[in-house]
């Protein structure tokens, strides 16, 4: 786990200390593997293109892409990210695409993307709350992976 955390730390810190920081946005997300941590029930979303699955077998659960079942753990890293902001808005991976569409005035690809939040609630594009990036500590590489010892 520490090797993965160190890799993520190196990438994020390189962007924060690099020449592109002033206009960067990093969405740091991970797939939690089924959303078992989540207390929110699935919610309905529009079918992306109105086409039902054509490759289901008799053993598959029927569906038509109209349910999103889990939120995505997400950290926004940017000079424009609101300080200490925590969103309580349910969203899934398609919200990233909706953010891009909204930010650059692009047409929405599907009804599903349009149904997601556009993630602009995370940002202050007028000011730069993090114009000077923070200096986080280096990733610990010799700590015990034992939740009983904190």
Protein backbone atom coordinates (compact mmCIF):
# COMPACT_ATOMS: atom_id res chain seq x y z
CA UNK A 1 0.00 0.00 0.00
CA UNK A 2 2.80 2.40 0.81
CA UNK A 3 4.36 1.93 -2.63
CA UNK A 4 1.06 2.88 -4.28
CA UNK A 5 0.63 5.85 -1.96
CA UNK A 6 4.19 6.94 -2.72
CA UNK A 7 3.55 6.74 -6.47
CA UNK A 8 0.41 8.88 -6.16
CA UNK A 9 2.26 11.32 -3.90
CA UNK A 10 5.12 11.65 -6.41
CA UNK A 11 2.75 12.38 -9.30
CA UNK A 12 0.67 14.89 -7.34
CA UNK A 13 3.69 16.65 -5.82
CA UNK A 14 5.40 16.84 -9.23
CA UNK A 15 2.39 18.62 -10.70
CA UNK A 16 2.09 20.94 -7.69
CA UNK A 17 5.77 21.92 -7.87
CA UNK A 18 5.92 22.00 -11.70
CA UNK A 19 5.31 24.73 -14.27
CA UNK A 20 1.78 23.55 -15.09
CA UNK A 21 0.39 23.98 -11.57
CA UNK A 22 -1.19 27.39 -12.26
CA UNK A 23 -3.81 25.92 -14.59
CA UNK A 24 -4.03 22.25 -13.58
CA UNK A 25 -6.80 20.09 -12.19
CA UNK A 26 -6.14 16.58 -10.91
CA UNK A 27 -9.09 14.35 -10.09
CA UNK A 28 -7.69 11.69 -7.75
CA UNK A 29 -10.22 8.89 -7.57
CA UNK A 30 -10.19 5.18 -7.01
CA UNK A 31 -12.63 2.38 -7.58
CA UNK A 32 -13.62 1.14 -4.17
CA UNK A 33 -14.54 -2.26 -5.56
CA UNK A 34 -18.30 -2.32 -5.28
CA UNK A 35 -19.19 0.61 -3.07
CA UNK A 36 -19.56 -1.43 0.09
CA UNK A 37 -18.57 1.59 2.19
CA UNK A 38 -21.43 3.64 0.79
CA UNK A 39 -24.61 4.27 2.74
CA UNK A 40 -26.44 5.79 -0.24
CA UNK A 41 -28.96 3.69 -2.19
CA UNK A 42 -28.63 3.35 -5.98
CA UNK A 43 -30.22 6.18 -7.92
CA UNK A 44 -31.84 6.36 -11.32
CA UNK A 45 -30.15 8.04 -14.25
CA UNK A 46 -31.16 8.33 -17.89
CA UNK A 47 -30.11 5.58 -20.27
CA UNK A 48 -27.06 7.05 -22.06
CA UNK A 49 -28.28 6.43 -25.60
CA UNK A 50 -31.61 4.61 -25.34
CA UNK A 51 -30.07 1.33 -26.48
CA UNK A 52 -30.64 -1.71 -24.29
CA UNK A 53 -27.86 -4.28 -23.82
CA UNK A 54 -27.77 -6.79 -26.66
CA UNK A 55 -25.25 -9.25 -25.25
CA UNK A 56 -26.95 -10.40 -22.04
CA UNK A 57 -27.13 -14.13 -21.37
CA UNK A 58 -29.84 -15.96 -19.46
CA UNK A 59 -27.62 -15.86 -16.34
CA UNK A 60 -27.15 -12.07 -16.42
CA UNK A 61 -29.18 -9.67 -14.32
CA UNK A 62 -31.40 -7.70 -16.71
CA UNK A 63 -30.71 -3.99 -16.95
CA UNK A 64 -30.71 -1.00 -19.21
CA UNK A 65 -27.93 1.25 -17.83
CA UNK A 66 -30.41 3.38 -15.83
CA UNK A 67 -28.98 2.92 -12.33
CA UNK A 68 -25.81 4.27 -10.81
CA UNK A 69 -25.02 2.31 -7.70
CA UNK A 70 -22.08 3.93 -5.99
CA UNK A 71 -20.40 7.22 -5.49
CA UNK A 72 -16.73 7.53 -6.31
CA UNK A 73 -14.19 8.49 -3.62
CA UNK A 74 -12.63 11.62 -5.11
CA UNK A 75 -10.08 14.29 -4.23
CA UNK A 76 -9.78 17.45 -6.32
CA UNK A 77 -6.26 18.93 -6.49
CA UNK A 78 -5.97 22.29 -8.21
CA UNK A 79 -5.02 25.90 -7.55
CA UNK A 80 -8.75 26.56 -8.10
CA UNK A 81 -10.02 23.95 -5.63
CA UNK A 82 -12.00 25.45 -2.75
CA UNK A 83 -10.09 25.10 0.50
CA UNK A 84 -11.52 22.57 2.97
CA UNK A 85 -14.51 21.87 0.73
CA UNK A 86 -16.38 18.57 1.09
CA UNK A 87 -19.11 17.74 -1.39
CA UNK A 88 -22.11 15.69 -0.34
CA UNK A 89 -23.48 15.44 -3.87
CA UNK A 90 -23.78 11.87 -5.16
CA UNK A 91 -22.03 11.39 -8.51
CA UNK A 92 -20.19 8.76 -10.49
CA UNK A 93 -17.37 8.69 -13.05
CA UNK A 94 -19.49 10.35 -15.72
CA UNK A 95 -19.36 13.57 -13.66
CA UNK A 96 -15.74 14.02 -14.83
CA UNK A 97 -16.91 14.14 -18.43
CA UNK A 98 -19.72 16.52 -17.53
CA UNK A 99 -17.15 18.80 -15.89
CA UNK A 100 -15.10 18.89 -19.10
CA UNK A 101 -18.21 19.55 -21.20
CA UNK A 102 -19.33 22.38 -18.90
CA UNK A 103 -15.91 23.98 -18.45
CA UNK A 104 -15.17 24.20 -22.16
CA UNK A 105 -18.72 24.72 -23.42
CA UNK A 106 -18.89 21.39 -25.24
CA UNK A 107 -22.14 19.64 -26.11
CA UNK A 108 -23.16 16.82 -23.81
CA UNK A 109 -22.28 13.39 -25.22
CA UNK A 110 -25.22 11.51 -23.69
CA UNK A 111 -28.22 12.06 -21.45
CA UNK A 112 -26.42 10.19 -18.67
CA UNK A 113 -23.54 12.69 -18.59
CA UNK A 114 -26.02 15.54 -18.59
CA UNK A 115 -27.76 14.03 -15.54
CA UNK A 116 -24.58 14.07 -13.44
CA UNK A 117 -23.39 17.13 -11.50
CA UNK A 118 -20.81 19.16 -13.44
CA UNK A 119 -18.43 19.27 -10.45
CA UNK A 120 -18.04 23.05 -10.60
CA UNK A 121 -19.06 23.15 -6.93
CA UNK A 122 -15.46 22.08 -6.13
CA UNK A 123 -13.90 25.17 -7.71
CA UNK A 124 -13.44 28.91 -7.44
CA UNK A 125 -12.39 29.95 -10.95
CA UNK A 126 -12.36 33.65 -10.03
CA UNK A 127 -9.68 33.41 -7.35
CA UNK A 128 -6.86 30.93 -6.84
CA UNK A 129 -7.24 29.65 -3.27
CA UNK A 130 -4.10 27.53 -3.75
CA UNK A 131 -2.00 29.81 -5.98
CA UNK A 132 0.96 28.68 -3.87
CA UNK A 133 0.68 24.91 -3.57
CA UNK A 134 0.97 23.28 -0.17
CA UNK A 135 4.06 21.26 0.73
CA UNK A 136 2.78 17.92 1.99
CA UNK A 137 5.11 15.63 3.92
CA UNK A 138 6.78 12.75 2.06
CA UNK A 139 5.00 9.40 2.03
CA UNK A 140 6.07 7.19 4.94
CA UNK A 141 7.62 4.00 3.51
CA UNK A 142 8.52 2.20 6.72
CA UNK A 143 5.27 2.32 8.67
CA UNK A 144 3.47 -0.83 9.78
CA UNK A 145 0.30 -1.68 7.87
CA UNK A 146 -1.52 -2.52 11.06
CA UNK A 147 -4.73 -0.71 11.94
CA UNK A 148 -4.41 -1.73 15.59
CA UNK A 149 -1.28 0.46 15.93
CA UNK A 150 -1.97 4.13 15.33
